[in-house]
C-alpha atoms as a PDB file:
ATOM      1  CA  UNK A   1      -0.014   0.062  -0.133  1.00  0.00           C
ATOM      2  CA  UNK A   2       1.338   3.476  -0.800  1.00  0.00           C
ATOM      3  CA  UNK A   3       0.090   6.775   0.282  1.00  0.00           C
ATOM      4  CA  UNK A   4      -2.672   7.200  -2.151  1.00  0.00           C
ATOM      5  CA  UNK A   5      -3.845   3.683  -1.188  1.00  0.00           C
ATOM      6  CA  UNK A   6      -3.942   4.813   2.520  1.00  0.00           C
ATOM      7  CA  UNK A   7      -5.891   7.764   1.679  1.00  0.00           C
ATOM      8  CA  UNK A   8      -8.347   5.895  -0.290  1.00  0.00           C
ATOM      9  CA  UNK A   9      -8.996   3.404   2.456  1.00  0.00           C
ATOM     10  CA  UNK A  10      -9.381   5.874   5.205  1.00  0.00           C
ATOM     11  CA  UNK A  11     -11.903   7.915   3.151  1.00  0.00           C
ATOM     12  CA  UNK A  12     -13.858   4.713   2.497  1.00  0.00           C
ATOM     13  CA  UNK A  13     -13.700   3.185   5.990  1.00  0.00           C
ATOM     14  CA  UNK A  14     -14.368   6.401   7.905  1.00  0.00           C
ATOM     15  CA  UNK A  15     -16.753   7.757   5.087  1.00  0.00           C
ATOM     16  CA  UNK A  16     -14.582  10.844   4.761  1.00  0.00           C
ATOM     17  CA  UNK A  17     -14.152  13.165   1.725  1.00  0.00           C
ATOM     18  CA  UNK A  18     -10.960  12.650  -0.169  1.00  0.00           C
ATOM     19  CA  UNK A  19      -9.904  16.039   0.792  1.00  0.00           C
ATOM     20  CA  UNK A  20     -10.436  15.268   4.589  1.00  0.00           C
ATOM     21  CA  UNK A  21      -8.584  11.971   4.183  1.00  0.00           C
ATOM     22  CA  UNK A  22      -5.682  13.603   2.486  1.00  0.00           C
ATOM     23  CA  UNK A  23      -5.427  16.361   5.370  1.00  0.00           C
ATOM     24  CA  UNK A  24      -5.416  13.705   8.081  1.00  0.00           C
ATOM     25  CA  UNK A  25      -2.677  11.433   6.433  1.00  0.00           C
ATOM     26  CA  UNK A  26      -0.711  14.514   5.826  1.00  0.00           C
ATOM     27  CA  UNK A  27      -1.062  15.669   9.454  1.00  0.00           C
ATOM     28  CA  UNK A  28       0.091  12.257  10.791  1.00  0.00           C
ATOM     29  CA  UNK A  29       3.049  12.194   8.314  1.00  0.00           C
ATOM     30  CA  UNK A  30       4.073  15.614   9.313  1.00  0.00           C
ATOM     31  CA  UNK A  31       3.806  15.130  13.011  1.00  0.00           C
ATOM     32  CA  UNK A  32       6.036  12.076  12.627  1.00  0.00           C
ATOM     33  CA  UNK A  33       8.645  14.122  10.601  1.00  0.00           C
ATOM     34  CA  UNK A  34       8.505  16.950  13.238  1.00  0.00           C
ATOM     35  CA  UNK A  35       9.266  14.471  15.973  1.00  0.00           C
ATOM     36  CA  UNK A  36      11.900  12.590  14.348  1.00  0.00           C
ATOM     37  CA  UNK A  37      13.733  15.852  13.593  1.00  0.00           C
ATOM     38  CA  UNK A  38      13.801  16.753  17.285  1.00  0.00           C
ATOM     39  CA  UNK A  39      15.474  13.463  17.893  1.00  0.00           C
ATOM     40  CA  UNK A  40      12.186  12.097  19.342  1.00  0.00           C
ATOM     41  CA  UNK A  41      10.795   8.650  19.235  1.00  0.00           C
ATOM     42  CA  UNK A  42       7.421   7.677  17.994  1.00  0.00           C
ATOM     43  CA  UNK A  43       5.892   4.268  19.569  1.00  0.00           C
ATOM     44  CA  UNK A  44       2.619   2.869  18.416  1.00  0.00           C
ATOM     45  CA  UNK A  45       1.868  -0.081  20.623  1.00  0.00           C
ATOM     46  CA  UNK A  46       1.104  -3.253  18.963  1.00  0.00           C
ATOM     47  CA  UNK A  47       2.885  -1.862  15.495  1.00  0.00           C
ATOM     48  CA  UNK A  48       6.438  -0.652  16.118  1.00  0.00           C
ATOM     49  CA  UNK A  49       8.452   2.560  16.803  1.00  0.00           C
ATOM     50  CA  UNK A  50      10.229   5.029  14.755  1.00  0.00           C
ATOM     51  CA  UNK A  51      13.371   6.519  15.872  1.00  0.00           C
ATOM     52  CA  UNK A  52      16.487   8.333  14.465  1.00  0.00           C
ATOM     53  CA  UNK A  53      19.743   6.532  14.018  1.00  0.00           C
ATOM     54  CA  UNK A  54      22.916   8.484  13.732  1.00  0.00           C
ATOM     55  CA  UNK A  55      25.661   7.060  11.415  1.00  0.00           C
ATOM     56  CA  UNK A  56      29.224   8.633  11.482  1.00  0.00           C
ATOM     57  CA  UNK A  57      31.444   9.538   8.381  1.00  0.00           C
ATOM     58  CA  UNK A  58      33.245   6.742   6.643  1.00  0.00           C
ATOM     59  CA  UNK A  59      35.067   6.286   3.431  1.00  0.00           C
ATOM     60  CA  UNK A  60      32.954   4.775   0.764  1.00  0.00           C
ATOM     61  CA  UNK A  61      33.463   3.850  -3.045  1.00  0.00           C
ATOM     62  CA  UNK A  62      31.958   5.055  -6.005  1.00  0.00           C
ATOM     63  CA  UNK A  63      30.601   2.030  -7.840  1.00  0.00           C
ATOM     64  CA  UNK A  64      30.697   3.788 -11.236  1.00  0.00           C
ATOM     65  CA  UNK A  65      34.359   5.163 -11.027  1.00  0.00           C
ATOM     66  CA  UNK A  66      35.659   2.922  -8.214  1.00  0.00           C
ATOM     67  CA  UNK A  67      37.078   6.015  -6.463  1.00  0.00           C
ATOM     68  CA  UNK A  68      36.920   6.373  -2.800  1.00  0.00           C
ATOM     69  CA  UNK A  69      34.744   9.015  -1.552  1.00  0.00           C
ATOM     70  CA  UNK A  70      34.088  10.493   1.912  1.00  0.00           C
ATOM     71  CA  UNK A  71      30.624   9.915   3.059  1.00  0.00           C
ATOM     72  CA  UNK A  72      29.418  12.667   5.638  1.00  0.00           C
ATOM     73  CA  UNK A  73      27.803  11.765   9.025  1.00  0.00           C
ATOM     74  CA  UNK A  74      24.049  11.550   8.612  1.00  0.00           C
ATOM     75  CA  UNK A  75      20.904  10.858  10.640  1.00  0.00           C
ATOM     76  CA  UNK A  76      18.394   8.421   9.339  1.00  0.00           C
ATOM     77  CA  UNK A  77      14.822   7.403  10.357  1.00  0.00           C
ATOM     78  CA  UNK A  78      14.706   3.836  11.417  1.00  0.00           C
ATOM     79  CA  UNK A  79      11.685   1.576  12.162  1.00  0.00           C
ATOM     80  CA  UNK A  80      11.585  -1.324  14.742  1.00  0.00           C
ATOM     81  CA  UNK A  81       8.696  -3.627  14.233  1.00  0.00           C
ATOM     82  CA  UNK A  82       6.637  -4.581  17.363  1.00  0.00           C
ATOM     83  CA  UNK A  83       6.186  -7.876  18.919  1.00  0.00           C
ATOM     84  CA  UNK A  84       2.154  -8.007  18.012  1.00  0.00           C
ATOM     85  CA  UNK A  85       2.852  -7.047  14.266  1.00  0.00           C
ATOM     86  CA  UNK A  86       5.678  -9.819  13.869  1.00  0.00           C
ATOM     87  CA  UNK A  87       3.178 -12.350  15.196  1.00  0.00           C
ATOM     88  CA  UNK A  88       0.242 -11.179  13.078  1.00  0.00           C
ATOM     89  CA  UNK A  89       2.537 -11.260  10.045  1.00  0.00           C
ATOM     90  CA  UNK A  90       4.095 -14.665  10.772  1.00  0.00           C
ATOM     91  CA  UNK A  91       0.507 -16.201  11.420  1.00  0.00           C
ATOM     92  CA  UNK A  92      -0.657 -14.861   7.918  1.00  0.00           C
ATOM     93  CA  UNK A  93       1.540 -17.289   6.168  1.00  0.00           C
END
Protein backbone atom coordinates (compact mmCIF):
# COMPACT_ATOMS: atom_id res chain seq x y z
CA UNK A 1 0.00 0.00 0.00
CA UNK A 2 1.22 3.47 -0.83
CA UNK A 3 0.13 6.90 0.42
CA UNK A 4 -2.71 7.24 -2.09
CA UNK A 5 -3.96 3.75 -1.19
CA UNK A 6 -3.93 4.70 2.48
CA UNK A 7 -5.90 7.88 1.73
CA UNK A 8 -8.45 5.93 -0.31
CA UNK A 9 -8.87 3.26 2.40
CA UNK A 10 -9.28 5.89 5.13
CA UNK A 11 -11.80 7.79 3.03
CA UNK A 12 -13.90 4.67 2.43
CA UNK A 13 -13.66 3.19 5.93
CA UNK A 14 -14.40 6.40 7.82
CA UNK A 15 -16.78 7.88 5.23
CA UNK A 16 -14.57 10.97 4.74
CA UNK A 17 -14.19 13.12 1.69
CA UNK A 18 -10.94 12.54 -0.17
CA UNK A 19 -9.77 16.05 0.82
CA UNK A 20 -10.38 15.33 4.52
CA UNK A 21 -8.59 11.96 4.28
CA UNK A 22 -5.61 13.66 2.58
CA UNK A 23 -5.49 16.23 5.39
CA UNK A 24 -5.55 13.52 8.07
CA UNK A 25 -2.78 11.44 6.46
CA UNK A 26 -0.61 14.51 5.82
CA UNK A 27 -1.11 15.68 9.42
CA UNK A 28 0.08 12.33 10.76
CA UNK A 29 3.10 12.21 8.44
CA UNK A 30 4.08 15.80 9.23
CA UNK A 31 3.76 15.09 12.95
CA UNK A 32 6.00 12.03 12.61
CA UNK A 33 8.61 13.99 10.64
CA UNK A 34 8.58 16.89 13.13
CA UNK A 35 9.09 14.54 16.08
CA UNK A 36 11.93 12.68 14.37
CA UNK A 37 13.63 15.98 13.44
CA UNK A 38 13.73 16.77 17.17
CA UNK A 39 15.41 13.39 17.77
CA UNK A 40 12.16 12.17 19.31
CA UNK A 41 10.80 8.66 19.27
CA UNK A 42 7.39 7.56 18.04
CA UNK A 43 5.94 4.40 19.53
CA UNK A 44 2.72 2.84 18.32
CA UNK A 45 1.88 -0.06 20.62
CA UNK A 46 1.26 -3.28 18.77
CA UNK A 47 2.80 -1.89 15.57
CA UNK A 48 6.34 -0.63 16.15
CA UNK A 49 8.48 2.40 16.82
CA UNK A 50 10.26 5.01 14.76
CA UNK A 51 13.50 6.62 15.87
CA UNK A 52 16.52 8.38 14.41
CA UNK A 53 19.84 6.59 14.11
CA UNK A 54 23.03 8.55 13.70
CA UNK A 55 25.80 7.25 11.47
CA UNK A 56 29.36 8.54 11.53
CA UNK A 57 31.44 9.60 8.55
CA UNK A 58 33.20 6.89 6.58
CA UNK A 59 35.08 6.33 3.35
CA UNK A 60 32.92 4.75 0.68
CA UNK A 61 33.48 3.77 -2.93
CA UNK A 62 31.79 5.18 -6.00
CA UNK A 63 30.57 2.06 -7.85
CA UNK A 64 30.78 3.78 -11.27
CA UNK A 65 34.33 5.08 -11.03
CA UNK A 66 35.77 2.90 -8.28
CA UNK A 67 37.17 5.99 -6.55
CA UNK A 68 37.05 6.42 -2.79
CA UNK A 69 34.72 9.13 -1.53
CA UNK A 70 34.12 10.64 1.88
CA UNK A 71 30.59 10.05 3.15
CA UNK A 72 29.46 12.69 5.64
CA UNK A 73 27.83 11.77 8.96
CA UNK A 74 24.06 11.43 8.67
CA UNK A 75 20.88 10.90 10.63
CA UNK A 76 18.33 8.48 9.20
CA UNK A 77 14.89 7.34 10.35
CA UNK A 78 14.71 3.75 11.55
CA UNK A 79 11.65 1.55 12.14
CA UNK A 80 11.63 -1.29 14.64
CA UNK A 81 8.70 -3.65 14.22
CA UNK A 82 6.63 -4.46 17.32
CA UNK A 83 6.10 -7.93 18.71
CA UNK A 84 2.35 -8.02 17.95
CA UNK A 85 2.84 -7.02 14.31
CA UNK A 86 5.58 -9.64 13.90
CA UNK A 87 3.21 -12.30 15.24
CA UNK A 88 0.30 -11.17 13.05
CA UNK A 89 2.43 -11.26 9.92
CA UNK A 90 3.94 -14.62 10.82
CA UNK A 91 0.51 -16.18 11.44
CA UNK A 92 -0.63 -14.87 8.07
CA UNK A 93 1.60 -17.36 6.21
